[in-house]
Amino acid sequence: MVLHDLIRALRADGASDEADRMESSAISANPAFVRMPGRDGAQAIPDED
């Protein structure tokens, strides 16, 4: 899971404070985080047989 997706999911579930803390931590560790788009939702891709 991409961190952006997790932050969006937390905000959707009403855990904005936790999402804000995670986002702030990610930005302090990697300032480019704010410019990264994320995947905008993860989609499972089935394995090929």
PDB file of N, CA and C in Angstrom:
ATOM      1  N   MET A   1       0.848  -1.175   0.000  1.00  0.00           N
ATOM      2  CA  MET A   1       0.000   0.000   0.000  1.00  0.00           C
ATOM      3  C   MET A   1       0.894   1.239   0.000  1.00  0.00           C
ATOM      4  N   VAL A   2       0.500   2.170  -0.780  1.00  0.00           N
ATOM      5  CA  VAL A   2       1.225   3.436  -0.850  1.00  0.00           C
ATOM      6  C   VAL A   2       0.739   4.329   0.288  1.00  0.00           C
ATOM      7  N   LEU A   3       1.653   5.060   0.880  1.00  0.00           N
ATOM      8  CA  LEU A   3       1.325   5.906   2.024  1.00  0.00           C
ATOM      9  C   LEU A   3       0.208   6.900   1.693  1.00  0.00           C
ATOM     10  N   HIS A   4       0.217   7.421   0.482  1.00  0.00           N
ATOM     11  CA  HIS A   4      -0.851   8.345   0.078  1.00  0.00           C
ATOM     12  C   HIS A   4      -2.233   7.681   0.201  1.00  0.00           C
ATOM     13  N   ASP A   5      -2.304   6.426  -0.216  1.00  0.00           N
ATOM     14  CA  ASP A   5      -3.577   5.695  -0.141  1.00  0.00           C
ATOM     15  C   ASP A   5      -4.009   5.500   1.305  1.00  0.00           C
ATOM     16  N   LEU A   6      -3.062   5.185   2.166  1.00  0.00           N
ATOM     17  CA  LEU A   6      -3.366   4.999   3.578  1.00  0.00           C
ATOM     18  C   LEU A   6      -3.874   6.298   4.199  1.00  0.00           C
ATOM     19  N   ILE A   7      -3.228   7.401   3.867  1.00  0.00           N
ATOM     20  CA  ILE A   7      -3.646   8.703   4.403  1.00  0.00           C
ATOM     21  C   ILE A   7      -5.065   9.035   3.931  1.00  0.00           C
ATOM     22  N   ARG A   8      -5.345   8.788   2.654  1.00  0.00           N
ATOM     23  CA  ARG A   8      -6.710   9.032   2.138  1.00  0.00           C
ATOM     24  C   ARG A   8      -7.732   8.156   2.858  1.00  0.00           C
ATOM     25  N   ALA A   9      -7.379   6.896   3.080  1.00  0.00           N
ATOM     26  CA  ALA A   9      -8.300   5.978   3.752  1.00  0.00           C
ATOM     27  C   ALA A   9      -8.555   6.420   5.188  1.00  0.00           C
ATOM     28  N   LEU A  10      -7.521   6.851   5.882  1.00  0.00           N
ATOM     29  CA  LEU A  10      -7.704   7.328   7.257  1.00  0.00           C
ATOM     30  C   LEU A  10      -8.628   8.540   7.294  1.00  0.00           C
ATOM     31  N   ARG A  11      -8.427   9.462   6.372  1.00  0.00           N
ATOM     32  CA  ARG A  11      -9.293  10.651   6.335  1.00  0.00           C
ATOM     33  C   ARG A  11     -10.729  10.273   6.009  1.00  0.00           C
ATOM     34  N   ALA A  12     -10.911   9.324   5.111  1.00  0.00           N
ATOM     35  CA  ALA A  12     -12.260   8.873   4.761  1.00  0.00           C
ATOM     36  C   ALA A  12     -12.947   8.209   5.955  1.00  0.00           C
ATOM     37  N   ASP A  13     -12.163   7.573   6.814  1.00  0.00           N
ATOM     38  CA  ASP A  13     -12.715   6.915   8.002  1.00  0.00           C
ATOM     39  C   ASP A  13     -12.850   7.859   9.182  1.00  0.00           C
ATOM     40  N   GLY A  14     -12.512   9.126   8.981  1.00  0.00           N
ATOM     41  CA  GLY A  14     -12.668  10.113  10.042  1.00  0.00           C
ATOM     42  C   GLY A  14     -11.479  10.229  10.979  1.00  0.00           C
ATOM     43  N   ALA A  15     -10.356   9.638  10.606  1.00  0.00           N
ATOM     44  CA  ALA A  15      -9.154   9.707  11.450  1.00  0.00           C
ATOM     45  C   ALA A  15      -8.207  10.781  10.906  1.00  0.00           C
ATOM     46  N   SER A  16      -8.708  11.985  10.779  1.00  0.00           N
ATOM     47  CA  SER A  16      -7.934  13.080  10.194  1.00  0.00           C
ATOM     48  C   SER A  16      -6.679  13.410  10.987  1.00  0.00           C
ATOM     49  N   ASP A  17      -6.761  13.367  12.305  1.00  0.00           N
ATOM     50  CA  ASP A  17      -5.597  13.690  13.132  1.00  0.00           C
ATOM     51  C   ASP A  17      -4.447  12.726  12.855  1.00  0.00           C
ATOM     52  N   GLU A  18      -4.764  11.446  12.809  1.00  0.00           N
ATOM     53  CA  GLU A  18      -3.734  10.446  12.541  1.00  0.00           C
ATOM     54  C   GLU A  18      -3.182  10.613  11.122  1.00  0.00           C
ATOM     55  N   ALA A  19      -4.066  10.887  10.164  1.00  0.00           N
ATOM     56  CA  ALA A  19      -3.629  11.099   8.786  1.00  0.00           C
ATOM     57  C   ALA A  19      -2.713  12.314   8.687  1.00  0.00           C
ATOM     58  N   ASP A  20      -3.060  13.376   9.395  1.00  0.00           N
ATOM     59  CA  ASP A  20      -2.229  14.581   9.385  1.00  0.00           C
ATOM     60  C   ASP A  20      -0.845  14.316   9.981  1.00  0.00           C
ATOM     61  N   ARG A  21      -0.802  13.537  11.061  1.00  0.00           N
ATOM     62  CA  ARG A  21       0.488  13.196  11.672  1.00  0.00           C
ATOM     63  C   ARG A  21       1.349  12.365  10.717  1.00  0.00           C
ATOM     64  N   MET A  22       0.727  11.400  10.054  1.00  0.00           N
ATOM     65  CA  MET A  22       1.473  10.566   9.102  1.00  0.00           C
ATOM     66  C   MET A  22       1.990  11.405   7.938  1.00  0.00           C
ATOM     67  N   GLU A  23       1.133  12.286   7.441  1.00  0.00           N
ATOM     68  CA  GLU A  23       1.527  13.127   6.316  1.00  0.00           C
ATOM     69  C   GLU A  23       2.668  14.063   6.721  1.00  0.00           C
ATOM     70  N   SER A  24       2.559  14.649   7.887  1.00  0.00           N
ATOM     71  CA  SER A  24       3.602  15.547   8.376  1.00  0.00           C
ATOM     72  C   SER A  24       4.925  14.809   8.539  1.00  0.00           C
ATOM     73  N   SER A  25       4.868  13.616   9.071  1.00  0.00           N
ATOM     74  CA  SER A  25       6.067  12.805   9.253  1.00  0.00           C
ATOM     75  C   SER A  25       6.686  12.443   7.907  1.00  0.00           C
ATOM     76  N   ALA A  26       5.854  12.091   6.948  1.00  0.00           N
ATOM     77  CA  ALA A  26       6.364  11.736   5.623  1.00  0.00           C
ATOM     78  C   ALA A  26       7.005  12.939   4.940  1.00  0.00           C
ATOM     79  N   ILE A  27       6.409  14.106   5.105  1.00  0.00           N
ATOM     80  CA  ILE A  27       6.953  15.323   4.499  1.00  0.00           C
ATOM     81  C   ILE A  27       8.291  15.690   5.139  1.00  0.00           C
ATOM     82  N   SER A  28       8.390  15.533   6.467  1.00  0.00           N
ATOM     83  CA  SER A  28       9.657  15.868   7.120  1.00  0.00           C
ATOM     84  C   SER A  28      10.764  14.890   6.717  1.00  0.00           C
ATOM     85  N   ALA A  29      10.410  13.639   6.475  1.00  0.00           N
ATOM     86  CA  ALA A  29      11.395  12.644   6.053  1.00  0.00           C
ATOM     87  C   ALA A  29      11.750  12.791   4.571  1.00  0.00           C
ATOM     88  N   ASN A  30      10.768  13.226   3.777  1.00  0.00           N
ATOM     89  CA  ASN A  30      10.967  13.348   2.334  1.00  0.00           C
ATOM     90  C   ASN A  30      10.145  14.525   1.824  1.00  0.00           C
ATOM     91  N   PRO A  31      10.735  15.723   1.718  1.00  0.00           N
ATOM     92  CA  PRO A  31       9.991  16.916   1.304  1.00  0.00           C
ATOM     93  C   PRO A  31       9.290  16.775  -0.053  1.00  0.00           C
ATOM     94  N   ALA A  32       9.766  15.888  -0.907  1.00  0.00           N
ATOM     95  CA  ALA A  32       9.129  15.683  -2.215  1.00  0.00           C
ATOM     96  C   ALA A  32       7.797  14.947  -2.095  1.00  0.00           C
ATOM     97  N   PHE A  33       7.480  14.436  -0.910  1.00  0.00           N
ATOM     98  CA  PHE A  33       6.240  13.686  -0.696  1.00  0.00           C
ATOM     99  C   PHE A  33       5.014  14.467  -1.153  1.00  0.00           C
ATOM    100  N   VAL A  34       5.003  15.780  -0.951  1.00  0.00           N
ATOM    101  CA  VAL A  34       3.828  16.580  -1.306  1.00  0.00           C
ATOM    102  C   VAL A  34       3.618  16.630  -2.816  1.00  0.00           C
ATOM    103  N   ARG A  35       4.670  16.408  -3.586  1.00  0.00           N
ATOM    104  CA  ARG A  35       4.531  16.435  -5.046  1.00  0.00           C
ATOM    105  C   ARG A  35       4.256  15.057  -5.634  1.00  0.00           C
ATOM    106  N   MET A  36       4.348  14.020  -4.810  1.00  0.00           N
ATOM    107  CA  MET A  36       4.092  12.666  -5.285  1.00  0.00           C
ATOM    108  C   MET A  36       2.589  12.428  -5.337  1.00  0.00           C
ATOM    109  N   PRO A  37       2.086  11.949  -6.465  1.00  0.00           N
ATOM    110  CA  PRO A  37       0.648  11.791  -6.592  1.00  0.00           C
ATOM    111  C   PRO A  37       0.068  10.572  -5.884  1.00  0.00           C
ATOM    112  N   GLY A  38       0.868   9.583  -5.592  1.00  0.00           N
ATOM    113  CA  GLY A  38       0.318   8.345  -5.052  1.00  0.00           C
ATOM    114  C   GLY A  38      -0.377   7.588  -6.176  1.00  0.00           C
ATOM    115  N   ARG A  39      -1.075   6.531  -5.831  1.00  0.00           N
ATOM    116  CA  ARG A  39      -1.746   5.729  -6.858  1.00  0.00           C
ATOM    117  C   ARG A  39      -3.216   6.049  -6.954  1.00  0.00           C
ATOM    118  N   ASP A  40      -3.722   6.891  -6.055  1.00  0.00           N
ATOM    119  CA  ASP A  40      -5.138   7.259  -6.045  1.00  0.00           C
ATOM    120  C   ASP A  40      -6.012   6.016  -5.967  1.00  0.00           C
ATOM    121  N   GLY A  41      -5.704   5.188  -5.000  1.00  0.00           N
ATOM    122  CA  GLY A  41      -6.478   3.967  -4.804  1.00  0.00           C
ATOM    123  C   GLY A  41      -5.750   2.780  -5.397  1.00  0.00           C
ATOM    124  N   ALA A  42      -5.664   1.760  -4.641  1.00  0.00           N
ATOM    125  CA  ALA A  42      -4.969   0.565  -5.122  1.00  0.00           C
ATOM    126  C   ALA A  42      -5.968  -0.375  -5.769  1.00  0.00           C
ATOM    127  N   GLN A  43      -5.559  -0.983  -6.843  1.00  0.00           N
ATOM    128  CA  GLN A  43      -6.387  -1.979  -7.493  1.00  0.00           C
ATOM    129  C   GLN A  43      -5.579  -3.269  -7.576  1.00  0.00           C
ATOM    130  N   ALA A  44      -6.227  -4.335  -7.200  1.00  0.00           N
ATOM    131  CA  ALA A  44      -5.552  -5.638  -7.261  1.00  0.00           C
ATOM    132  C   ALA A  44      -5.476  -6.096  -8.705  1.00  0.00           C
ATOM    133  N   ILE A  45      -4.331  -6.606  -9.072  1.00  0.00           N
ATOM    134  CA  ILE A  45      -4.146  -7.166 -10.411  1.00  0.00           C
ATOM    135  C   ILE A  45      -3.907  -8.653 -10.227  1.00  0.00           C
ATOM    136  N   PRO A  46      -4.775  -9.460 -10.794  1.00  0.00           N
ATOM    137  CA  PRO A  46      -4.627 -10.913 -10.588  1.00  0.00           C
ATOM    138  C   PRO A  46      -3.341 -11.435 -11.198  1.00  0.00           C
ATOM    139  N   ASP A  47      -2.786 -12.443 -10.537  1.00  0.00           N
ATOM    140  CA  ASP A  47      -1.587 -13.095 -11.057  1.00  0.00           C
ATOM    141  C   ASP A  47      -1.938 -13.860 -12.332  1.00  0.00           C
ATOM    142  N   GLU A  48      -0.993 -13.882 -13.229  1.00  0.00           N
ATOM    143  CA  GLU A  48      -1.188 -14.675 -14.448  1.00  0.00           C
ATOM    144  C   GLU A  48      -0.935 -16.132 -14.124  1.00  0.00           C
ATOM    145  N   ASP A  49      -1.714 -16.979 -14.731  1.00  0.00           N
ATOM    146  CA  ASP A  49      -1.524 -18.426 -14.529  1.00  0.00           C
ATOM    147  C   ASP A  49      -0.467 -18.975 -15.422  1.00  0.00           C
TER     148      ASP A  49
END
